[in-house]
Every structure is written in C-alpha cells, then in structure tokens.
Amino acid sequence: EAFVAQDKPVAAVCHGPAAFVNTKTKDGKPLVA
C-alpha cells in the first residue's frame, strides 16, 4: 500500500499476486478493482 501510494511499481508472478488480495488503495478500494 505504501509503494502504491507513492506511485512506485509493484509486481508479482504466479501465486505471488495473492499478496495483493487484501491490499487497498488510499481511497479504501481493493488494489485490483
């Protein structure tokens, strides 16, 4: 969430994207929405 708020790249592959499942944007929406 800190990386996203600072407009830094975040990346994941295969099962790694599970790390994004409970992350939110600064407005409280799911990161992937």
PDB file of all heavy atoms in Angstrom:
ATOM      1  N   GLU A   1       0.829  -1.213   0.000  1.00  0.00           N
ATOM      2  CA  GLU A   1       0.000   0.000   0.000  1.00  0.00           C
ATOM      3  C   GLU A   1       0.859   1.258   0.000  1.00  0.00           C
ATOM      4  O   GLU A   1       0.533   2.245  -0.670  1.00  0.00           O
ATOM      5  CB  GLU A   1      -0.956  -0.022   1.188  1.00  0.00           C
ATOM      6  CG  GLU A   1      -2.037  -1.068   1.031  1.00  0.00           C
ATOM      7  CD  GLU A   1      -2.940  -1.244   2.234  1.00  0.00           C
ATOM      8  OE1 GLU A   1      -2.618  -0.734   3.341  1.00  0.00           O
ATOM      9  OE2 GLU A   1      -3.978  -1.914   2.068  1.00  0.00           O
ATOM     10  N   ALA A   2       1.981   1.245   0.701  1.00  0.00           N
ATOM     11  CA  ALA A   2       2.891   2.399   0.710  1.00  0.00           C
ATOM     12  C   ALA A   2       3.514   2.602  -0.667  1.00  0.00           C
ATOM     13  O   ALA A   2       3.614   3.745  -1.142  1.00  0.00           O
ATOM     14  CB  ALA A   2       3.974   2.201   1.766  1.00  0.00           C
ATOM     15  N   PHE A   3       3.939   1.528  -1.313  1.00  0.00           N
ATOM     16  CA  PHE A   3       4.505   1.640  -2.663  1.00  0.00           C
ATOM     17  C   PHE A   3       3.475   2.212  -3.624  1.00  0.00           C
ATOM     18  O   PHE A   3       3.774   3.101  -4.421  1.00  0.00           O
ATOM     19  CB  PHE A   3       4.995   0.273  -3.159  1.00  0.00           C
ATOM     20  CG  PHE A   3       6.442  -0.002  -2.882  1.00  0.00           C
ATOM     21  CD1 PHE A   3       6.938  -0.011  -1.596  1.00  0.00           C
ATOM     22  CD2 PHE A   3       7.312  -0.265  -3.920  1.00  0.00           C
ATOM     23  CE1 PHE A   3       8.272  -0.278  -1.337  1.00  0.00           C
ATOM     24  CE2 PHE A   3       8.648  -0.537  -3.685  1.00  0.00           C
ATOM     25  CZ  PHE A   3       9.130  -0.539  -2.388  1.00  0.00           C
ATOM     26  N   VAL A   4       2.255   1.708  -3.563  1.00  0.00           N
ATOM     27  CA  VAL A   4       1.191   2.179  -4.457  1.00  0.00           C
ATOM     28  C   VAL A   4       0.897   3.655  -4.193  1.00  0.00           C
ATOM     29  O   VAL A   4       0.767   4.448  -5.133  1.00  0.00           O
ATOM     30  CB  VAL A   4      -0.078   1.306  -4.300  1.00  0.00           C
ATOM     31  CG1 VAL A   4      -1.261   1.922  -5.026  1.00  0.00           C
ATOM     32  CG2 VAL A   4       0.189  -0.102  -4.810  1.00  0.00           C
ATOM     33  N   ALA A   5       0.821   4.047  -2.934  1.00  0.00           N
ATOM     34  CA  ALA A   5       0.546   5.446  -2.581  1.00  0.00           C
ATOM     35  C   ALA A   5       1.647   6.382  -3.087  1.00  0.00           C
ATOM     36  O   ALA A   5       1.379   7.545  -3.392  1.00  0.00           O
ATOM     37  CB  ALA A   5       0.380   5.586  -1.066  1.00  0.00           C
ATOM     38  N   GLN A   6       2.869   5.857  -3.186  1.00  0.00           N
ATOM     39  CA  GLN A   6       4.000   6.655  -3.677  1.00  0.00           C
ATOM     40  C   GLN A   6       4.200   6.494  -5.184  1.00  0.00           C
ATOM     41  O   GLN A   6       5.209   6.934  -5.728  1.00  0.00           O
ATOM     42  CB  GLN A   6       5.268   6.244  -2.939  1.00  0.00           C
ATOM     43  CG  GLN A   6       5.225   6.554  -1.460  1.00  0.00           C
ATOM     44  CD  GLN A   6       6.395   5.921  -0.724  1.00  0.00           C
ATOM     45  OE1 GLN A   6       7.529   5.949  -1.191  1.00  0.00           O
ATOM     46  NE2 GLN A   6       6.115   5.339   0.432  1.00  0.00           N
ATOM     47  N   ASP A   7       3.260   5.841  -5.857  1.00  0.00           N
ATOM     48  CA  ASP A   7       3.306   5.614  -7.302  1.00  0.00           C
ATOM     49  C   ASP A   7       4.552   4.851  -7.732  1.00  0.00           C
ATOM     50  O   ASP A   7       5.141   5.129  -8.772  1.00  0.00           O
ATOM     51  CB  ASP A   7       3.183   6.937  -8.063  1.00  0.00           C
ATOM     52  CG  ASP A   7       2.751   6.738  -9.503  1.00  0.00           C
ATOM     53  OD1 ASP A   7       1.982   5.795  -9.772  1.00  0.00           O
ATOM     54  OD2 ASP A   7       3.204   7.510 -10.374  1.00  0.00           O
ATOM     55  N   LYS A   8       4.934   3.879  -6.909  1.00  0.00           N
ATOM     56  CA  LYS A   8       6.072   3.004  -7.230  1.00  0.00           C
ATOM     57  C   LYS A   8       5.535   1.699  -7.815  1.00  0.00           C
ATOM     58  O   LYS A   8       4.450   1.250  -7.437  1.00  0.00           O
ATOM     59  CB  LYS A   8       6.895   2.709  -5.979  1.00  0.00           C
ATOM     60  CG  LYS A   8       7.592   3.925  -5.412  1.00  0.00           C
ATOM     61  CD  LYS A   8       8.385   3.561  -4.174  1.00  0.00           C
ATOM     62  CE  LYS A   8       9.119   4.767  -3.631  1.00  0.00           C
ATOM     63  NZ  LYS A   8       9.893   4.425  -2.423  1.00  0.00           N
ATOM     64  N   PRO A   9       6.287   1.064  -8.701  1.00  0.00           N
ATOM     65  CA  PRO A   9       5.835  -0.202  -9.288  1.00  0.00           C
ATOM     66  C   PRO A   9       5.750  -1.330  -8.260  1.00  0.00           C
ATOM     67  O   PRO A   9       6.589  -1.432  -7.367  1.00  0.00           O
ATOM     68  CB  PRO A   9       6.913  -0.533 -10.317  1.00  0.00           C
ATOM     69  CG  PRO A   9       7.695   0.703 -10.519  1.00  0.00           C
ATOM     70  CD  PRO A   9       7.557   1.514  -9.277  1.00  0.00           C
ATOM     71  N   VAL A  10       4.706  -2.137  -8.397  1.00  0.00           N
ATOM     72  CA  VAL A  10       4.573  -3.369  -7.635  1.00  0.00           C
ATOM     73  C   VAL A  10       4.279  -4.480  -8.640  1.00  0.00           C
ATOM     74  O   VAL A  10       3.507  -4.296  -9.577  1.00  0.00           O
ATOM     75  CB  VAL A  10       3.490  -3.303  -6.537  1.00  0.00           C
ATOM     76  CG1 VAL A  10       3.882  -2.333  -5.448  1.00  0.00           C
ATOM     77  CG2 VAL A  10       2.142  -2.927  -7.095  1.00  0.00           C
ATOM     78  N   ALA A  11       4.927  -5.614  -8.441  1.00  0.00           N
ATOM     79  CA  ALA A  11       4.801  -6.708  -9.396  1.00  0.00           C
ATOM     80  C   ALA A  11       4.782  -8.042  -8.664  1.00  0.00           C
ATOM     81  O   ALA A  11       5.341  -8.173  -7.582  1.00  0.00           O
ATOM     82  CB  ALA A  11       5.968  -6.674 -10.381  1.00  0.00           C
ATOM     83  N   ALA A  12       4.130  -9.010  -9.308  1.00  0.00           N
ATOM     84  CA  ALA A  12       4.072 -10.366  -8.747  1.00  0.00           C
ATOM     85  C   ALA A  12       3.770 -11.347  -9.869  1.00  0.00           C
ATOM     86  O   ALA A  12       3.147 -10.989 -10.870  1.00  0.00           O
ATOM     87  CB  ALA A  12       2.995 -10.448  -7.674  1.00  0.00           C
ATOM     88  N   VAL A  13       4.210 -12.580  -9.664  1.00  0.00           N
ATOM     89  CA  VAL A  13       4.007 -13.603 -10.685  1.00  0.00           C
ATOM     90  C   VAL A  13       3.513 -14.900 -10.053  1.00  0.00           C
ATOM     91  O   VAL A  13       3.830 -15.190  -8.892  1.00  0.00           O
ATOM     92  CB  VAL A  13       5.316 -13.837 -11.489  1.00  0.00           C
ATOM     93  CG1 VAL A  13       6.392 -14.463 -10.626  1.00  0.00           C
ATOM     94  CG2 VAL A  13       5.080 -14.654 -12.741  1.00  0.00           C
ATOM     95  N   CYS A  14       2.723 -15.643 -10.810  1.00  0.00           N
ATOM     96  CA  CYS A  14       2.222 -16.959 -10.442  1.00  0.00           C
ATOM     97  C   CYS A  14       1.296 -16.860  -9.217  1.00  0.00           C
ATOM     98  O   CYS A  14       0.223 -16.304  -9.309  1.00  0.00           O
ATOM     99  CB  CYS A  14       3.385 -17.919 -10.230  1.00  0.00           C
ATOM    100  SG  CYS A  14       2.901 -19.648 -10.096  1.00  0.00           S
ATOM    101  N   HIS A  15       1.698 -17.378  -8.063  1.00  0.00           N
ATOM    102  CA  HIS A  15       0.902 -17.245  -6.846  1.00  0.00           C
ATOM    103  C   HIS A  15       1.251 -15.975  -6.061  1.00  0.00           C
ATOM    104  O   HIS A  15       0.553 -15.624  -5.119  1.00  0.00           O
ATOM    105  CB  HIS A  15       1.093 -18.466  -5.948  1.00  0.00           C
ATOM    106  CG  HIS A  15       0.456 -19.698  -6.485  1.00  0.00           C
ATOM    107  ND1 HIS A  15       1.121 -20.568  -7.325  1.00  0.00           N
ATOM    108  CD2 HIS A  15      -0.785 -20.211  -6.327  1.00  0.00           C
ATOM    109  CE1 HIS A  15       0.314 -21.562  -7.655  1.00  0.00           C
ATOM    110  NE2 HIS A  15      -0.848 -21.369  -7.061  1.00  0.00           N
ATOM    111  N   GLY A  16       2.317 -15.297  -6.459  1.00  0.00           N
ATOM    112  CA  GLY A  16       2.711 -14.051  -5.802  1.00  0.00           C
ATOM    113  C   GLY A  16       1.620 -12.994  -5.782  1.00  0.00           C
ATOM    114  O   GLY A  16       1.507 -12.244  -4.798  1.00  0.00           O
ATOM    115  N   PRO A  17       0.779 -12.880  -6.836  1.00  0.00           N
ATOM    116  CA  PRO A  17      -0.285 -11.873  -6.786  1.00  0.00           C
ATOM    117  C   PRO A  17      -1.251 -12.037  -5.611  1.00  0.00           C
ATOM    118  O   PRO A  17      -2.011 -11.121  -5.305  1.00  0.00           O
ATOM    119  CB  PRO A  17      -0.997 -12.051  -8.136  1.00  0.00           C
ATOM    120  CG  PRO A  17       0.081 -12.507  -9.057  1.00  0.00           C
ATOM    121  CD  PRO A  17       0.903 -13.455  -8.188  1.00  0.00           C
ATOM    122  N   ALA A  18      -1.216 -13.177  -4.927  1.00  0.00           N
ATOM    123  CA  ALA A  18      -2.034 -13.324  -3.714  1.00  0.00           C
ATOM    124  C   ALA A  18      -1.690 -12.240  -2.700  1.00  0.00           C
ATOM    125  O   ALA A  18      -2.525 -11.868  -1.872  1.00  0.00           O
ATOM    126  CB  ALA A  18      -1.832 -14.705  -3.104  1.00  0.00           C
ATOM    127  N   ALA A  19      -0.479 -11.701  -2.779  1.00  0.00           N
ATOM    128  CA  ALA A  19      -0.075 -10.622  -1.874  1.00  0.00           C
ATOM    129  C   ALA A  19      -0.938  -9.375  -2.055  1.00  0.00           C
ATOM    130  O   ALA A  19      -0.998  -8.530  -1.170  1.00  0.00           O
ATOM    131  CB  ALA A  19       1.399 -10.273  -2.097  1.00  0.00           C
ATOM    132  N   PHE A  20      -1.623  -9.273  -3.198  1.00  0.00           N
ATOM    133  CA  PHE A  20      -2.456  -8.095  -3.468  1.00  0.00           C
ATOM    134  C   PHE A  20      -3.907  -8.276  -3.036  1.00  0.00           C
ATOM    135  O   PHE A  20      -4.689  -7.331  -3.087  1.00  0.00           O
ATOM    136  CB  PHE A  20      -2.425  -7.762  -4.964  1.00  0.00           C
ATOM    137  CG  PHE A  20      -1.047  -7.534  -5.529  1.00  0.00           C
ATOM    138  CD1 PHE A  20      -0.737  -7.944  -6.814  1.00  0.00           C
ATOM    139  CD2 PHE A  20      -0.049  -6.912  -4.783  1.00  0.00           C
ATOM    140  CE1 PHE A  20       0.527  -7.735  -7.350  1.00  0.00           C
ATOM    141  CE2 PHE A  20       1.219  -6.706  -5.306  1.00  0.00           C
ATOM    142  CZ  PHE A  20       1.502  -7.109  -6.592  1.00  0.00           C
ATOM    143  N   VAL A  21      -4.272  -9.471  -2.613  1.00  0.00           N
ATOM    144  CA  VAL A  21      -5.669  -9.781  -2.325  1.00  0.00           C
ATOM    145  C   VAL A  21      -6.274  -8.877  -1.250  1.00  0.00           C
ATOM    146  O   VAL A  21      -7.424  -8.461  -1.370  1.00  0.00           O
ATOM    147  CB  VAL A  21      -5.820 -11.279  -1.941  1.00  0.00           C
ATOM    148  CG1 VAL A  21      -7.169 -11.571  -1.322  1.00  0.00           C
ATOM    149  CG2 VAL A  21      -5.596 -12.153  -3.162  1.00  0.00           C
ATOM    150  N   ASN A  22      -5.555  -8.558  -0.220  1.00  0.00           N
ATOM    151  CA  ASN A  22      -6.104  -7.734   0.863  1.00  0.00           C
ATOM    152  C   ASN A  22      -5.540  -6.318   0.895  1.00  0.00           C
ATOM    153  O   ASN A  22      -5.712  -5.617   1.884  1.00  0.00           O
ATOM    154  CB  ASN A  22      -5.884  -8.438   2.206  1.00  0.00           C
ATOM    155  CG  ASN A  22      -6.805  -9.626   2.353  1.00  0.00           C
ATOM    156  OD1 ASN A  22      -8.013  -9.495   2.256  1.00  0.00           O
ATOM    157  ND2 ASN A  22      -6.228 -10.801   2.551  1.00  0.00           N
ATOM    158  N   THR A  23      -4.896  -5.908  -0.180  1.00  0.00           N
ATOM    159  CA  THR A  23      -4.369  -4.542  -0.226  1.00  0.00           C
ATOM    160  C   THR A  23      -5.431  -3.591  -0.751  1.00  0.00           C
ATOM    161  O   THR A  23      -6.304  -3.961  -1.532  1.00  0.00           O
ATOM    162  CB  THR A  23      -3.110  -4.455  -1.108  1.00  0.00           C
ATOM    163  OG1 THR A  23      -3.428  -4.910  -2.421  1.00  0.00           O
ATOM    164  CG2 THR A  23      -1.982  -5.295  -0.531  1.00  0.00           C
ATOM    165  N   LYS A  24      -5.322  -2.359  -0.300  1.00  0.00           N
ATOM    166  CA  LYS A  24      -6.286  -1.314  -0.679  1.00  0.00           C
ATOM    167  C   LYS A  24      -5.544  -0.105  -1.241  1.00  0.00           C
ATOM    168  O   LYS A  24      -4.384   0.129  -0.925  1.00  0.00           O
ATOM    169  CB  LYS A  24      -7.094  -0.868   0.548  1.00  0.00           C
ATOM    170  CG  LYS A  24      -7.751  -1.977   1.330  1.00  0.00           C
ATOM    171  CD  LYS A  24      -9.061  -2.363   0.740  1.00  0.00           C
ATOM    172  CE  LYS A  24      -9.765  -3.358   1.644  1.00  0.00           C
ATOM    173  NZ  LYS A  24     -10.364  -4.439   0.929  1.00  0.00           N
ATOM    174  N   THR A  25      -6.252   0.666  -2.016  1.00  0.00           N
ATOM    175  CA  THR A  25      -5.724   1.955  -2.474  1.00  0.00           C
ATOM    176  C   THR A  25      -5.960   2.969  -1.364  1.00  0.00           C
ATOM    177  O   THR A  25      -6.664   2.686  -0.389  1.00  0.00           O
ATOM    178  CB  THR A  25      -6.424   2.405  -3.764  1.00  0.00           C
ATOM    179  OG1 THR A  25      -7.822   2.548  -3.506  1.00  0.00           O
ATOM    180  CG2 THR A  25      -6.199   1.406  -4.898  1.00  0.00           C
ATOM    181  N   LYS A  26      -5.420   4.167  -1.518  1.00  0.00           N
ATOM    182  CA  LYS A  26      -5.572   5.162  -0.444  1.00  0.00           C
ATOM    183  C   LYS A  26      -7.027   5.571  -0.218  1.00  0.00           C
ATOM    184  O   LYS A  26      -7.373   6.061   0.845  1.00  0.00           O
ATOM    185  CB  LYS A  26      -4.674   6.373  -0.675  1.00  0.00           C
ATOM    186  CG  LYS A  26      -4.853   7.086  -1.963  1.00  0.00           C
ATOM    187  CD  LYS A  26      -3.814   8.177  -2.110  1.00  0.00           C
ATOM    188  CE  LYS A  26      -3.739   8.630  -3.549  1.00  0.00           C
ATOM    189  NZ  LYS A  26      -2.645   9.556  -3.761  1.00  0.00           N
ATOM    190  N   ASP A  27      -7.911   5.311  -1.205  1.00  0.00           N
ATOM    191  CA  ASP A  27      -9.329   5.609  -1.015  1.00  0.00           C
ATOM    192  C   ASP A  27     -10.122   4.418  -0.482  1.00  0.00           C
ATOM    193  O   ASP A  27     -11.350   4.450  -0.426  1.00  0.00           O
ATOM    194  CB  ASP A  27      -9.955   6.168  -2.291  1.00  0.00           C
ATOM    195  CG  ASP A  27      -9.897   5.213  -3.466  1.00  0.00           C
ATOM    196  OD1 ASP A  27      -9.352   4.102  -3.318  1.00  0.00           O
ATOM    197  OD2 ASP A  27     -10.377   5.587  -4.556  1.00  0.00           O
ATOM    198  N   GLY A  28      -9.403   3.337  -0.074  1.00  0.00           N
ATOM    199  CA  GLY A  28     -10.034   2.202   0.577  1.00  0.00           C
ATOM    200  C   GLY A  28     -10.589   1.131  -0.342  1.00  0.00           C
ATOM    201  O   GLY A  28     -11.184   0.162   0.124  1.00  0.00           O
ATOM    202  N   LYS A  29     -10.398   1.274  -1.648  1.00  0.00           N
ATOM    203  CA  LYS A  29     -10.880   0.261  -2.592  1.00  0.00           C
ATOM    204  C   LYS A  29      -9.841  -0.852  -2.734  1.00  0.00           C
ATOM    205  O   LYS A  29      -8.651  -0.612  -2.546  1.00  0.00           O
ATOM    206  CB  LYS A  29     -11.131   0.895  -3.960  1.00  0.00           C
ATOM    207  CG  LYS A  29     -12.262   1.895  -3.971  1.00  0.00           C
ATOM    208  CD  LYS A  29     -12.450   2.476  -5.355  1.00  0.00           C
ATOM    209  CE  LYS A  29     -13.541   3.528  -5.321  1.00  0.00           C
ATOM    210  NZ  LYS A  29     -13.611   4.281  -6.572  1.00  0.00           N
ATOM    211  N   PRO A  30     -10.285  -2.052  -3.101  1.00  0.00           N
ATOM    212  CA  PRO A  30      -9.301  -3.107  -3.361  1.00  0.00           C
ATOM    213  C   PRO A  30      -8.302  -2.652  -4.425  1.00  0.00           C
ATOM    214  O   PRO A  30      -8.688  -2.004  -5.410  1.00  0.00           O
ATOM    215  CB  PRO A  30     -10.148  -4.271  -3.876  1.00  0.00           C
ATOM    216  CG  PRO A  30     -11.508  -4.026  -3.310  1.00  0.00           C
ATOM    217  CD  PRO A  30     -11.659  -2.524  -3.286  1.00  0.00           C
ATOM    218  N   LEU A  31      -7.046  -2.961  -4.225  1.00  0.00           N
ATOM    219  CA  LEU A  31      -5.998  -2.552  -5.157  1.00  0.00           C
ATOM    220  C   LEU A  31      -6.313  -2.956  -6.590  1.00  0.00           C
ATOM    221  O   LEU A  31      -6.061  -2.205  -7.525  1.00  0.00           O
ATOM    222  CB  LEU A  31      -4.651  -3.154  -4.740  1.00  0.00           C
ATOM    223  CG  LEU A  31      -3.489  -2.921  -5.691  1.00  0.00           C
ATOM    224  CD1 LEU A  31      -3.162  -1.433  -5.792  1.00  0.00           C
ATOM    225  CD2 LEU A  31      -2.274  -3.710  -5.263  1.00  0.00           C
ATOM    226  N   VAL A  32      -6.886  -4.137  -6.782  1.00  0.00           N
ATOM    227  CA  VAL A  32      -7.107  -4.652  -8.136  1.00  0.00           C
ATOM    228  C   VAL A  32      -8.411  -4.166  -8.765  1.00  0.00           C
ATOM    229  O   VAL A  32      -8.630  -4.386  -9.964  1.00  0.00           O
ATOM    230  CB  VAL A  32      -7.051  -6.192  -8.172  1.00  0.00           C
ATOM    231  CG1 VAL A  32      -5.691  -6.685  -7.678  1.00  0.00           C
ATOM    232  CG2 VAL A  32      -8.185  -6.826  -7.386  1.00  0.00           C
ATOM    233  N   ALA A  33      -9.277  -3.511  -8.021  1.00  0.00           N
ATOM    234  CA  ALA A  33     -10.579  -3.079  -8.548  1.00  0.00           C
ATOM    235  C   ALA A  33     -10.402  -2.200  -9.784  1.00  0.00           C
ATOM    236  O   ALA A  33      -9.672  -1.218  -9.760  1.00  0.00           O
ATOM    237  CB  ALA A  33     -11.371  -2.338  -7.479  1.00  0.00           C
TER     238      ALA A  33
END
